[in-house]
């Protein structure tokens, strides 16, 4: 417990020294960091929108292809049943 408290105090002292050093040299470094993080945020937003649009298009294509495949499968099954190649087990009529 005391080791944890001592580590916390050391971290507070180190953080204070770093903040004092940054403020002593002026706020240019803080502004630089803010600009860089803002640029990164814009880039992330643009890329996430681009990826979202691509995934929407992909989802639409998958749905279209699924519908086409289901329609083709139904027609094939109907033709096969019509020719008597397979028989589907449905409700048993007695």
Protein backbone atom coordinates (compact mmCIF):
# COMPACT_ATOMS: atom_id res chain seq x y z
CA UNK A 1 0.00 0.00 0.00
CA UNK A 2 2.81 2.40 0.91
CA UNK A 3 4.70 1.48 -2.26
CA UNK A 4 1.63 2.32 -4.32
CA UNK A 5 1.21 5.63 -2.52
CA UNK A 6 4.89 6.44 -2.95
CA UNK A 7 4.69 5.66 -6.71
CA UNK A 8 1.65 7.92 -7.02
CA UNK A 9 3.48 10.77 -5.31
CA UNK A 10 6.48 10.29 -7.63
CA UNK A 11 4.20 10.39 -10.66
CA UNK A 12 2.57 13.60 -9.44
CA UNK A 13 5.98 15.21 -8.91
CA UNK A 14 7.21 14.14 -12.36
CA UNK A 15 4.00 15.38 -14.00
CA UNK A 16 4.36 18.71 -12.20
CA UNK A 17 7.95 19.10 -13.40
CA UNK A 18 6.97 18.29 -16.99
CA UNK A 19 4.05 20.73 -16.92
CA UNK A 20 6.24 23.43 -15.39
CA UNK A 21 8.91 22.86 -18.07
CA UNK A 22 6.34 23.07 -20.87
CA UNK A 23 4.79 26.24 -19.45
CA UNK A 24 8.23 27.77 -18.91
CA UNK A 25 9.05 27.35 -22.61
CA UNK A 26 5.72 28.77 -23.71
CA UNK A 27 2.56 27.28 -25.10
CA UNK A 28 3.91 26.58 -28.59
CA UNK A 29 4.45 22.91 -27.85
CA UNK A 30 0.94 22.57 -26.48
CA UNK A 31 -0.49 24.30 -29.55
CA UNK A 32 1.62 22.07 -31.82
CA UNK A 33 0.27 18.98 -30.08
CA UNK A 34 -3.28 20.31 -30.42
CA UNK A 35 -2.84 20.97 -34.15
CA UNK A 36 -1.39 17.54 -34.76
CA UNK A 37 -4.15 15.80 -32.85
CA UNK A 38 -6.75 17.86 -34.74
CA UNK A 39 -5.20 16.87 -38.08
CA UNK A 40 -5.20 13.24 -37.02
CA UNK A 41 -8.85 13.55 -36.01
CA UNK A 42 -9.80 14.97 -39.41
CA UNK A 43 -7.93 12.21 -41.19
CA UNK A 44 -9.60 9.55 -39.06
CA UNK A 45 -13.02 11.05 -39.72
CA UNK A 46 -12.44 11.16 -43.49
CA UNK A 47 -11.14 7.60 -43.60
CA UNK A 48 -13.96 6.25 -41.45
CA UNK A 49 -16.54 7.90 -43.73
CA UNK A 50 -14.80 6.42 -46.78
CA UNK A 51 -14.73 2.95 -45.24
CA UNK A 52 -18.38 3.30 -44.21
CA UNK A 53 -19.41 4.15 -47.78
CA UNK A 54 -17.42 1.22 -49.16
CA UNK A 55 -18.99 -1.19 -46.67
CA UNK A 56 -22.49 0.10 -47.53
CA UNK A 57 -21.84 -0.53 -51.23
CA UNK A 58 -20.48 -3.97 -50.45
CA UNK A 59 -23.53 -4.81 -48.34
CA UNK A 60 -25.85 -3.72 -51.17
CA UNK A 61 -23.95 -5.87 -53.66
CA UNK A 62 -24.10 -8.85 -51.33
CA UNK A 63 -27.86 -8.44 -50.91
CA UNK A 64 -28.35 -8.19 -54.69
CA UNK A 65 -26.26 -11.29 -55.32
CA UNK A 66 -28.08 -13.18 -52.58
CA UNK A 67 -31.44 -12.38 -54.14
CA UNK A 68 -30.23 -13.51 -57.57
CA UNK A 69 -28.84 -16.75 -56.14
CA UNK A 70 -32.07 -17.48 -54.25
CA UNK A 71 -34.14 -16.90 -57.40
CA UNK A 72 -31.89 -19.18 -59.46
CA UNK A 73 -32.00 -21.85 -56.78
CA UNK A 74 -35.80 -21.77 -56.69
CA UNK A 75 -36.05 -22.17 -60.44
CA UNK A 76 -33.55 -25.05 -60.45
CA UNK A 77 -35.39 -26.84 -57.63
CA UNK A 78 -38.73 -26.37 -59.40
CA UNK A 79 -37.33 -27.78 -62.66
CA UNK A 80 -35.75 -30.74 -60.89
CA UNK A 81 -38.98 -31.51 -59.03
CA UNK A 82 -40.94 -31.16 -62.26
CA UNK A 83 -38.75 -33.76 -63.96
CA UNK A 84 -39.01 -36.06 -60.94
CA UNK A 85 -35.32 -36.16 -60.16
CA UNK A 86 -35.83 -35.28 -56.51
CA UNK A 87 -38.83 -35.29 -54.26
CA UNK A 88 -39.14 -32.87 -51.41
CA UNK A 89 -40.57 -34.09 -48.20
CA UNK A 90 -43.34 -31.76 -47.24
CA UNK A 91 -46.43 -32.25 -45.21
CA UNK A 92 -47.56 -35.83 -45.30
CA UNK A 93 -51.03 -36.16 -46.71
CA UNK A 94 -52.99 -39.20 -45.61
